[in-house]
Structures are given as C-alpha cells and as structure tokens.
Amino acid sequence: MHMSDFVLPASSAETRPIAPVESRFSGESGAQTAANQLISFAIGDDQYGVDIMSVREIKGWTAITPLPGQPEYVRGVLNLRGVIVPIIDLRCRFGQGLTEATPLHIVIVVQIEGKTVGLLGDRVLDIVSLDAVEIKPVPRIAQSHKLRFLSGLVTDDTAMIALIDLASLLSETIN
C-alpha cells in the first residue's frame, strides 16, 4: 500500500477520501485491526501519529479563511464540500511557532468527539500497523506544553512516533 493511493499531489485543490484499510490478520485471535493502525506524519524533523480510524481524509494545503478572535493555533476555516472545518496548526499548538504553509503542506482531516477538524502538518509519512502493547507511556519528567497533547510513543524501524491525543487538542478551543 502506498501513500500515493490516498493523497493527491499537494498542488491539487481536490481531495481523495482515505479508503478503509483492511487488516491481513482479521479473524485471528488477538489479531490486528484497523484500530491498531495509525497515519504517521512529520512536523519538521519530528514524527507524529493519529489513529487511522479518526482520519477522514488527507488533502494538500489550500487557502483558508482566517477568523478573528481565535487562538493563534487556529489558523482559520476551510470549506470542505459544504462542511466548515477549523484548521489547527500543530506546530503552533505544540509551542513551536506558526507554520509558513505552502502547497507542499498537508491537512489531515480528523473526527474528534463528533467535530471535524483539520490538522496542519508538513508531510504524510506512512501507515503504521502496531499492537497496543507497543505503545509506551510518555515520560512526564518536566512540564511541557507539548507533552499534554501526546498519548504515547511508538518506536518504528527507524524513528520514534509521538501519538497525538486528539481530544486534548480541542481542550481549550472549539466548542
């Protein structure tokens, strides 16, 4: 399976919904399911992941409409086939400054507690299959603005992926 099956080139204003991912292990005892898969993506050199079951689609960056009076990390809204979708700049939400979005950036459209929200990231990396036992807790040594948005860590072949707690992203914003 290749990410090109799911994402149109960033220069395209159209989107393609993500197809459900079938598990090769369905029906086996203790088997992996789609709930044990995540979409990994990058923000700078850091890798993050979100549960694939929360992802509705991935699209290239397009112009958005800014809204006054919103927190800095809410970049604005996007009209996605008649649905108004707020866009959260994850780099900014994690306290690392605003993303200078270009057509090469991506928006991962997710469903969070019944709300449709877009997450601005740099690029999609992969679909990762994992067992729940592979998810390690986030060390809480110091108070960090970024840590409160993470639910766990997963080690992939070459990198560590920080899992985003989607509900905590909205804890102070969208009602």
N, C-alpha and C. Protein backbone atom coordinates (compact mmCIF):
# COMPACT_ATOMS: atom_id res chain seq x y z
N MET A 1 0.85 -1.16 0.00
CA MET A 1 0.00 0.00 0.00
C MET A 1 0.89 1.22 0.00
N HIS A 2 0.62 2.15 -0.84
CA HIS A 2 1.44 3.36 -0.96
C HIS A 2 0.59 4.56 -0.59
N MET A 3 1.24 5.57 0.02
CA MET A 3 0.51 6.78 0.39
C MET A 3 -0.05 7.47 -0.84
N SER A 4 0.55 7.25 -2.01
CA SER A 4 0.02 7.88 -3.22
C SER A 4 -1.38 7.38 -3.53
N ASP A 5 -1.76 6.25 -2.93
CA ASP A 5 -3.12 5.75 -3.10
C ASP A 5 -4.12 6.62 -2.35
N PHE A 6 -3.64 7.43 -1.40
CA PHE A 6 -4.53 8.18 -0.52
C PHE A 6 -4.44 9.68 -0.68
N VAL A 7 -3.34 10.19 -1.19
CA VAL A 7 -3.13 11.63 -1.21
C VAL A 7 -2.90 12.10 -2.63
N LEU A 8 -3.63 13.13 -3.02
CA LEU A 8 -3.37 13.75 -4.31
C LEU A 8 -2.15 14.65 -4.17
N PRO A 9 -1.50 15.00 -5.25
CA PRO A 9 -0.38 15.93 -5.15
C PRO A 9 -0.80 17.20 -4.42
N ALA A 10 0.12 17.73 -3.65
CA ALA A 10 -0.18 18.90 -2.82
C ALA A 10 -0.65 20.09 -3.64
N SER A 11 -0.30 20.13 -4.91
CA SER A 11 -0.70 21.27 -5.72
C SER A 11 -2.15 21.18 -6.16
N SER A 12 -2.77 20.04 -5.94
CA SER A 12 -4.16 19.86 -6.34
C SER A 12 -5.09 20.35 -5.24
N ALA A 13 -6.15 21.02 -5.62
CA ALA A 13 -7.11 21.51 -4.63
C ALA A 13 -8.15 20.44 -4.31
N GLU A 14 -8.16 19.35 -5.05
CA GLU A 14 -9.13 18.30 -4.78
C GLU A 14 -8.60 17.38 -3.70
N THR A 15 -9.51 16.59 -3.12
CA THR A 15 -9.10 15.62 -2.11
C THR A 15 -9.62 14.26 -2.51
N ARG A 16 -9.03 13.28 -1.90
CA ARG A 16 -9.49 11.90 -2.09
C ARG A 16 -9.66 11.30 -0.71
N PRO A 17 -10.88 10.87 -0.35
CA PRO A 17 -11.06 10.27 0.97
C PRO A 17 -10.17 9.04 1.13
N ILE A 18 -9.75 8.78 2.34
CA ILE A 18 -8.96 7.60 2.62
C ILE A 18 -9.87 6.38 2.60
N ALA A 19 -9.44 5.37 1.89
CA ALA A 19 -10.19 4.12 1.85
C ALA A 19 -9.95 3.36 3.14
N PRO A 20 -10.95 2.62 3.61
CA PRO A 20 -10.73 1.81 4.82
C PRO A 20 -9.59 0.84 4.59
N VAL A 21 -8.78 0.65 5.60
CA VAL A 21 -7.65 -0.24 5.49
C VAL A 21 -8.04 -1.59 6.07
N GLU A 22 -7.96 -2.61 5.26
CA GLU A 22 -8.29 -3.96 5.70
C GLU A 22 -7.07 -4.57 6.37
N SER A 23 -7.27 -5.26 7.47
CA SER A 23 -6.18 -5.94 8.13
C SER A 23 -5.97 -7.31 7.51
N ARG A 24 -4.72 -7.68 7.30
CA ARG A 24 -4.42 -9.02 6.80
C ARG A 24 -4.68 -10.06 7.86
N PHE A 25 -4.83 -9.65 9.12
CA PHE A 25 -4.92 -10.59 10.22
C PHE A 25 -6.34 -10.72 10.77
N SER A 26 -7.33 -10.09 10.12
CA SER A 26 -8.68 -10.12 10.68
C SER A 26 -9.16 -11.56 10.78
N GLY A 27 -9.85 -11.82 11.87
CA GLY A 27 -10.38 -13.14 12.09
C GLY A 27 -9.48 -14.01 12.95
N GLU A 28 -8.24 -13.63 13.17
CA GLU A 28 -7.35 -14.39 14.01
C GLU A 28 -7.51 -13.92 15.45
N SER A 29 -7.26 -14.79 16.38
CA SER A 29 -7.33 -14.44 17.79
C SER A 29 -6.24 -13.42 18.12
N GLY A 30 -6.61 -12.34 18.81
CA GLY A 30 -5.65 -11.30 19.16
C GLY A 30 -5.13 -10.57 17.94
N ALA A 31 -5.90 -10.57 16.89
CA ALA A 31 -5.43 -10.03 15.61
C ALA A 31 -5.42 -8.52 15.59
N GLN A 32 -4.62 -7.99 14.66
CA GLN A 32 -4.63 -6.56 14.44
C GLN A 32 -5.88 -6.18 13.67
N THR A 33 -6.36 -4.99 13.93
CA THR A 33 -7.50 -4.46 13.19
C THR A 33 -7.13 -3.05 12.75
N ALA A 34 -8.04 -2.42 12.03
CA ALA A 34 -7.79 -1.05 11.59
C ALA A 34 -7.56 -0.12 12.79
N ALA A 35 -8.12 -0.45 13.96
CA ALA A 35 -7.94 0.36 15.16
C ALA A 35 -6.49 0.34 15.62
N ASN A 36 -5.70 -0.63 15.15
CA ASN A 36 -4.30 -0.73 15.52
C ASN A 36 -3.40 -0.17 14.43
N GLN A 37 -3.91 0.76 13.66
CA GLN A 37 -3.10 1.40 12.63
C GLN A 37 -3.16 2.90 12.83
N LEU A 38 -2.08 3.55 12.42
CA LEU A 38 -2.05 5.00 12.53
C LEU A 38 -1.44 5.59 11.27
N ILE A 39 -1.80 6.83 11.03
CA ILE A 39 -1.18 7.62 9.97
C ILE A 39 -0.03 8.37 10.62
N SER A 40 1.19 8.19 10.11
CA SER A 40 2.31 8.95 10.64
C SER A 40 2.60 10.11 9.69
N PHE A 41 3.00 11.22 10.28
CA PHE A 41 3.29 12.43 9.52
C PHE A 41 4.37 13.22 10.24
N ALA A 42 4.93 14.19 9.54
CA ALA A 42 6.05 14.95 10.10
C ALA A 42 5.67 16.41 10.33
N ILE A 43 6.25 16.96 11.37
CA ILE A 43 6.26 18.40 11.62
C ILE A 43 7.72 18.70 11.89
N GLY A 44 8.38 19.31 10.91
CA GLY A 44 9.83 19.48 10.99
C GLY A 44 10.48 18.11 10.95
N ASP A 45 11.40 17.86 11.90
CA ASP A 45 12.07 16.57 11.98
C ASP A 45 11.35 15.59 12.89
N ASP A 46 10.29 16.02 13.55
CA ASP A 46 9.56 15.17 14.49
C ASP A 46 8.47 14.39 13.77
N GLN A 47 8.24 13.15 14.23
CA GLN A 47 7.20 12.30 13.67
C GLN A 47 6.06 12.16 14.67
N TYR A 48 4.84 12.26 14.14
CA TYR A 48 3.64 12.12 14.95
C TYR A 48 2.71 11.12 14.30
N GLY A 49 1.74 10.64 15.07
CA GLY A 49 0.78 9.71 14.53
C GLY A 49 -0.60 9.96 15.11
N VAL A 50 -1.62 9.66 14.29
CA VAL A 50 -3.01 9.70 14.75
C VAL A 50 -3.68 8.39 14.33
N ASP A 51 -4.62 7.95 15.14
CA ASP A 51 -5.36 6.72 14.87
C ASP A 51 -6.04 6.82 13.51
N ILE A 52 -5.82 5.84 12.67
CA ILE A 52 -6.36 5.87 11.31
C ILE A 52 -7.89 5.92 11.31
N MET A 53 -8.51 5.40 12.36
CA MET A 53 -9.97 5.41 12.42
C MET A 53 -10.53 6.81 12.65
N SER A 54 -9.70 7.74 13.11
CA SER A 54 -10.13 9.13 13.29
C SER A 54 -9.96 9.95 12.02
N VAL A 55 -9.15 9.46 11.08
CA VAL A 55 -8.83 10.22 9.87
C VAL A 55 -9.94 10.05 8.84
N ARG A 56 -10.43 11.18 8.33
CA ARG A 56 -11.47 11.17 7.30
C ARG A 56 -10.88 11.35 5.92
N GLU A 57 -9.85 12.17 5.79
CA GLU A 57 -9.15 12.35 4.53
C GLU A 57 -7.90 13.17 4.75
N ILE A 58 -7.05 13.15 3.74
CA ILE A 58 -5.83 13.93 3.75
C ILE A 58 -5.82 14.75 2.47
N LYS A 59 -5.54 16.03 2.59
CA LYS A 59 -5.55 16.89 1.41
C LYS A 59 -4.36 17.84 1.44
N GLY A 60 -4.02 18.33 0.29
CA GLY A 60 -2.97 19.33 0.20
C GLY A 60 -3.45 20.66 0.77
N TRP A 61 -2.51 21.50 1.15
CA TRP A 61 -2.83 22.82 1.71
C TRP A 61 -3.49 23.69 0.65
N THR A 62 -4.56 24.34 1.03
CA THR A 62 -5.24 25.31 0.17
C THR A 62 -5.52 26.55 1.01
N ALA A 63 -5.94 27.60 0.36
CA ALA A 63 -6.25 28.84 1.07
C ALA A 63 -7.36 28.60 2.09
N ILE A 64 -7.23 29.25 3.23
CA ILE A 64 -8.25 29.17 4.28
C ILE A 64 -8.74 30.57 4.59
N THR A 65 -9.83 30.65 5.33
CA THR A 65 -10.39 31.93 5.75
C THR A 65 -10.07 32.14 7.22
N PRO A 66 -9.25 33.14 7.54
CA PRO A 66 -8.96 33.40 8.96
C PRO A 66 -10.20 33.91 9.69
N LEU A 67 -10.29 33.57 10.97
CA LEU A 67 -11.39 34.04 11.80
C LEU A 67 -10.83 34.88 12.94
N PRO A 68 -11.39 36.05 13.17
CA PRO A 68 -10.90 36.90 14.27
C PRO A 68 -11.27 36.29 15.62
N GLY A 69 -10.46 36.60 16.62
CA GLY A 69 -10.77 36.20 17.98
C GLY A 69 -10.47 34.75 18.30
N GLN A 70 -9.78 34.04 17.44
CA GLN A 70 -9.43 32.64 17.69
C GLN A 70 -8.02 32.56 18.27
N PRO A 71 -7.74 31.46 18.97
CA PRO A 71 -6.34 31.28 19.42
C PRO A 71 -5.41 31.26 18.21
N GLU A 72 -4.16 31.61 18.40
CA GLU A 72 -3.20 31.70 17.30
C GLU A 72 -3.07 30.40 16.51
N TYR A 73 -3.19 29.27 17.19
CA TYR A 73 -3.02 27.97 16.51
C TYR A 73 -4.23 27.56 15.67
N VAL A 74 -5.36 28.25 15.82
CA VAL A 74 -6.49 28.00 14.92
C VAL A 74 -6.30 28.95 13.75
N ARG A 75 -5.80 28.39 12.65
CA ARG A 75 -5.39 29.21 11.51
C ARG A 75 -6.55 29.81 10.75
N GLY A 76 -7.72 29.20 10.87
CA GLY A 76 -8.89 29.65 10.14
C GLY A 76 -9.77 28.47 9.82
N VAL A 77 -10.63 28.65 8.81
CA VAL A 77 -11.54 27.57 8.43
C VAL A 77 -11.42 27.30 6.94
N LEU A 78 -11.84 26.11 6.57
CA LEU A 78 -11.81 25.63 5.21
C LEU A 78 -13.19 25.08 4.89
N ASN A 79 -13.70 25.38 3.70
CA ASN A 79 -14.98 24.82 3.27
C ASN A 79 -14.67 23.52 2.54
N LEU A 80 -15.02 22.41 3.15
CA LEU A 80 -14.75 21.10 2.60
C LEU A 80 -16.07 20.45 2.19
N ARG A 81 -16.43 20.64 0.94
CA ARG A 81 -17.69 20.11 0.39
C ARG A 81 -18.89 20.50 1.26
N GLY A 82 -18.95 21.77 1.62
CA GLY A 82 -20.09 22.29 2.37
C GLY A 82 -19.94 22.21 3.88
N VAL A 83 -18.89 21.57 4.38
CA VAL A 83 -18.64 21.48 5.82
C VAL A 83 -17.54 22.47 6.17
N ILE A 84 -17.78 23.33 7.16
CA ILE A 84 -16.79 24.30 7.60
C ILE A 84 -15.87 23.60 8.60
N VAL A 85 -14.59 23.53 8.25
CA VAL A 85 -13.61 22.77 9.03
C VAL A 85 -12.56 23.72 9.61
N PRO A 86 -12.46 23.83 10.95
CA PRO A 86 -11.39 24.63 11.54
C PRO A 86 -10.05 23.93 11.33
N ILE A 87 -9.00 24.71 11.09
CA ILE A 87 -7.66 24.17 10.84
C ILE A 87 -6.75 24.52 12.02
N ILE A 88 -6.19 23.48 12.65
CA ILE A 88 -5.27 23.66 13.77
C ILE A 88 -3.84 23.50 13.26
N ASP A 89 -3.02 24.50 13.50
CA ASP A 89 -1.60 24.46 13.17
C ASP A 89 -0.91 23.71 14.31
N LEU A 90 -0.55 22.44 14.06
CA LEU A 90 0.04 21.63 15.13
C LEU A 90 1.37 22.17 15.62
N ARG A 91 2.19 22.70 14.73
CA ARG A 91 3.48 23.27 15.15
C ARG A 91 3.22 24.38 16.17
N CYS A 92 2.26 25.23 15.89
CA CYS A 92 1.92 26.33 16.79
C CYS A 92 1.29 25.79 18.08
N ARG A 93 0.41 24.80 17.96
CA ARG A 93 -0.26 24.22 19.14
C ARG A 93 0.77 23.61 20.08
N PHE A 94 1.86 23.09 19.50
CA PHE A 94 2.91 22.49 20.31
C PHE A 94 3.93 23.51 20.80
N GLY A 95 3.65 24.81 20.57
CA GLY A 95 4.51 25.86 21.07
C GLY A 95 5.79 26.07 20.28
N GLN A 96 5.77 25.75 18.98
CA GLN A 96 6.97 25.86 18.16
C GLN A 96 6.84 26.92 17.07
N GLY A 97 5.91 27.85 17.21
CA GLY A 97 5.74 28.93 16.23
C GLY A 97 4.79 28.54 15.11
N LEU A 98 4.39 29.55 14.33
CA LEU A 98 3.45 29.32 13.23
C LEU A 98 4.13 28.60 12.06
N THR A 99 3.36 27.75 11.39
CA THR A 99 3.82 27.10 10.17
C THR A 99 3.66 28.08 9.01
N GLU A 100 4.70 28.24 8.22
CA GLU A 100 4.58 29.02 7.00
C GLU A 100 4.10 28.06 5.92
N ALA A 101 2.79 27.92 5.84
CA ALA A 101 2.18 26.91 4.98
C ALA A 101 2.42 27.21 3.50
N THR A 102 2.76 26.16 2.77
CA THR A 102 2.96 26.22 1.32
C THR A 102 2.12 25.12 0.69
N PRO A 103 2.02 25.09 -0.62
CA PRO A 103 1.27 24.00 -1.26
C PRO A 103 1.84 22.60 -0.97
N LEU A 104 3.04 22.52 -0.42
CA LEU A 104 3.62 21.22 -0.08
C LEU A 104 3.13 20.69 1.27
N HIS A 105 2.52 21.53 2.08
CA HIS A 105 1.99 21.11 3.38
C HIS A 105 0.69 20.33 3.18
N ILE A 106 0.30 19.62 4.24
CA ILE A 106 -0.91 18.78 4.16
C ILE A 106 -1.86 19.13 5.31
N VAL A 107 -3.13 18.81 5.09
CA VAL A 107 -4.14 18.91 6.13
C VAL A 107 -4.73 17.52 6.32
N ILE A 108 -4.63 17.01 7.53
CA ILE A 108 -5.23 15.72 7.87
C ILE A 108 -6.57 16.04 8.52
N VAL A 109 -7.64 15.66 7.85
CA VAL A 109 -8.98 15.93 8.35
C VAL A 109 -9.38 14.76 9.26
N VAL A 110 -9.65 15.09 10.53
CA VAL A 110 -9.98 14.07 11.52
C VAL A 110 -11.32 14.36 12.17
N GLN A 111 -11.88 13.34 12.77
CA GLN A 111 -13.11 13.47 13.54
C GLN A 111 -12.71 13.36 15.01
N ILE A 112 -13.00 14.42 15.78
CA ILE A 112 -12.67 14.44 17.20
C ILE A 112 -13.94 14.72 17.98
N GLU A 113 -14.38 13.73 18.73
CA GLU A 113 -15.57 13.89 19.57
C GLU A 113 -16.73 14.50 18.79
N GLY A 114 -16.96 13.99 17.59
CA GLY A 114 -18.07 14.43 16.76
C GLY A 114 -17.82 15.70 15.97
N LYS A 115 -16.64 16.28 16.10
CA LYS A 115 -16.29 17.51 15.36
C LYS A 115 -15.29 17.18 14.27
N THR A 116 -15.45 17.78 13.11
CA THR A 116 -14.50 17.63 12.02
C THR A 116 -13.48 18.75 12.11
N VAL A 117 -12.19 18.38 12.15
CA VAL A 117 -11.11 19.34 12.36
C VAL A 117 -9.97 18.98 11.41
N GLY A 118 -9.30 20.00 10.87
CA GLY A 118 -8.12 19.77 10.05
C GLY A 118 -6.85 20.04 10.83
N LEU A 119 -5.86 19.15 10.67
CA LEU A 119 -4.58 19.29 11.34
C LEU A 119 -3.52 19.62 10.30
N LEU A 120 -2.87 20.77 10.44
CA LEU A 120 -1.84 21.19 9.50
C LEU A 120 -0.51 20.55 9.87
N GLY A 121 0.08 19.82 8.91
CA GLY A 121 1.37 19.18 9.10
C GLY A 121 2.25 19.41 7.89
N ASP A 122 3.50 18.98 7.98
CA ASP A 122 4.44 19.19 6.88
C ASP A 122 4.28 18.17 5.76
N ARG A 123 4.18 16.89 6.13
CA ARG A 123 4.05 15.84 5.11
C ARG A 123 3.59 14.55 5.77
N VAL A 124 2.88 13.73 4.99
CA VAL A 124 2.47 12.40 5.45
C VAL A 124 3.63 11.45 5.22
N LEU A 125 3.84 10.53 6.16
CA LEU A 125 4.95 9.60 6.05
C LEU A 125 4.51 8.18 5.68
N ASP A 126 3.56 7.61 6.45
CA ASP A 126 3.25 6.20 6.25
C ASP A 126 1.99 5.81 7.01
N ILE A 127 1.54 4.61 6.74
CA ILE A 127 0.53 3.94 7.57
C ILE A 127 1.29 2.90 8.37
N VAL A 128 1.16 2.94 9.69
CA VAL A 128 1.90 2.06 10.57
C VAL A 128 0.93 1.13 11.28
N SER A 129 1.20 -0.17 11.22
CA SER A 129 0.41 -1.16 11.96
C SER A 129 1.14 -1.47 13.25
N LEU A 130 0.38 -1.61 14.34
CA LEU A 130 1.01 -1.88 15.62
C LEU A 130 0.06 -2.59 16.54
N ASP A 131 0.63 -3.23 17.55
CA ASP A 131 -0.14 -3.82 18.64
C ASP A 131 -0.19 -2.82 19.77
N ALA A 132 -1.26 -2.85 20.55
CA ALA A 132 -1.41 -1.90 21.66
C ALA A 132 -0.25 -2.00 22.64
N VAL A 133 0.35 -3.18 22.80
CA VAL A 133 1.46 -3.34 23.75
C VAL A 133 2.71 -2.60 23.30
N GLU A 134 2.78 -2.20 22.03
CA GLU A 134 3.94 -1.46 21.52
C GLU A 134 3.90 0.01 21.91
N ILE A 135 2.76 0.49 22.38
CA ILE A 135 2.63 1.90 22.76
C ILE A 135 3.17 2.09 24.17
N LYS A 136 4.17 2.94 24.28
CA LYS A 136 4.82 3.22 25.56
C LYS A 136 4.33 4.54 26.11
N PRO A 137 4.29 4.69 27.44
CA PRO A 137 3.85 5.97 28.01
C PRO A 137 4.86 7.08 27.73
N VAL A 138 4.35 8.30 27.71
CA VAL A 138 5.20 9.47 27.52
C VAL A 138 5.83 9.81 28.86
N PRO A 139 7.16 9.88 28.94
CA PRO A 139 7.80 10.27 30.20
C PRO A 139 7.37 11.67 30.61
N ARG A 140 6.97 11.84 31.84
CA ARG A 140 6.49 13.14 32.34
C ARG A 140 7.49 13.72 33.34
N ILE A 141 8.72 13.92 32.90
CA ILE A 141 9.78 14.41 33.77
C ILE A 141 9.59 15.88 34.09
N ALA A 142 9.27 16.65 33.08
CA ALA A 142 9.10 18.09 33.26
C ALA A 142 7.78 18.52 32.65
N GLN A 143 7.27 19.63 33.09
CA GLN A 143 6.05 20.17 32.50
C GLN A 143 6.38 20.72 31.12
N SER A 144 5.75 20.18 30.11
CA SER A 144 5.98 20.67 28.76
C SER A 144 4.65 20.90 28.10
N HIS A 145 4.52 22.02 27.44
CA HIS A 145 3.29 22.37 26.73
C HIS A 145 2.94 21.28 25.72
N LYS A 146 3.95 20.75 25.05
CA LYS A 146 3.76 19.76 24.00
C LYS A 146 3.31 18.40 24.56
N LEU A 147 3.82 18.01 25.73
CA LEU A 147 3.55 16.69 26.27
C LEU A 147 2.08 16.45 26.58
N ARG A 148 1.36 17.49 26.95
CA ARG A 148 -0.04 17.26 27.32
C ARG A 148 -0.91 16.87 26.13
N PHE A 149 -0.39 17.00 24.92
CA PHE A 149 -1.14 16.61 23.73
C PHE A 149 -0.75 15.22 23.22
N LEU A 150 0.12 14.53 23.94
CA LEU A 150 0.59 13.23 23.50
C LEU A 150 0.02 12.13 24.38
N SER A 151 -0.35 11.01 23.74
CA SER A 151 -0.92 9.89 24.49
C SER A 151 0.03 8.71 24.61
N GLY A 152 1.11 8.69 23.84
CA GLY A 152 2.05 7.59 23.91
C GLY A 152 3.14 7.72 22.87
N LEU A 153 4.08 6.79 22.91
CA LEU A 153 5.19 6.76 21.97
C LEU A 153 5.29 5.37 21.37
N VAL A 154 5.60 5.32 20.08
CA VAL A 154 5.78 4.05 19.38
C VAL A 154 7.11 4.13 18.66
N THR A 155 7.90 3.08 18.77
CA THR A 155 9.16 3.02 18.04
C THR A 155 8.92 2.25 16.76
N ASP A 156 9.19 2.93 15.64
CA ASP A 156 9.11 2.31 14.32
C ASP A 156 10.52 1.83 13.98
N ASP A 157 10.71 1.28 12.80
CA ASP A 157 12.01 0.75 12.40
C ASP A 157 13.14 1.76 12.58
N THR A 158 12.90 3.00 12.21
CA THR A 158 13.98 3.98 12.22
C THR A 158 13.70 5.22 13.06
N ALA A 159 12.52 5.32 13.63
CA ALA A 159 12.18 6.56 14.33
C ALA A 159 11.21 6.30 15.47
N MET A 160 11.03 7.33 16.29
CA MET A 160 10.02 7.28 17.33
C MET A 160 8.86 8.16 16.89
N ILE A 161 7.65 7.63 17.03
CA ILE A 161 6.44 8.35 16.64
C ILE A 161 5.68 8.73 17.90
N ALA A 162 5.41 10.01 18.05
CA ALA A 162 4.62 10.51 19.18
C ALA A 162 3.15 10.47 18.79
N LEU A 163 2.34 9.78 19.57
CA LEU A 163 0.91 9.67 19.28
C LEU A 163 0.16 10.86 19.85
N ILE A 164 -0.64 11.49 19.01
CA ILE A 164 -1.37 12.69 19.43
C ILE A 164 -2.69 12.29 20.06
N ASP A 165 -2.95 12.87 21.24
CA ASP A 165 -4.23 12.72 21.91
C ASP A 165 -5.16 13.77 21.32
N LEU A 166 -5.97 13.37 20.35
CA LEU A 166 -6.78 14.33 19.58
C LEU A 166 -7.73 15.12 20.48
N ALA A 167 -8.34 14.50 21.46
CA ALA A 167 -9.30 15.21 22.32
C ALA A 167 -8.62 16.36 23.08
N SER A 168 -7.36 16.18 23.47
CA SER A 168 -6.68 17.25 24.22
C SER A 168 -6.36 18.45 23.33
N LEU A 169 -6.27 18.25 22.01
CA LEU A 169 -6.03 19.37 21.11
C LEU A 169 -7.17 20.39 21.17
N LEU A 170 -8.36 19.89 21.45
CA LEU A 170 -9.54 20.77 21.48
C LEU A 170 -9.89 21.23 22.88
N SER A 171 -9.09 20.84 23.86
CA SER A 171 -9.46 21.09 25.25
C SER A 171 -9.68 22.55 25.59
N GLU A 172 -9.17 23.48 24.79
CA GLU A 172 -9.35 24.89 25.11
C GLU A 172 -9.86 25.69 23.94
N THR A 173 -10.40 25.01 22.90
CA THR A 173 -10.70 25.78 21.71
C THR A 173 -12.12 25.63 21.23
N ILE A 174 -12.34 24.67 20.39
CA ILE A 174 -13.54 24.58 19.56
C ILE A 174 -14.70 24.00 20.35
N ASN A 175 -15.78 24.73 20.43
CA ASN A 175 -16.96 24.26 21.16
C ASN A 175 -18.12 24.05 20.25
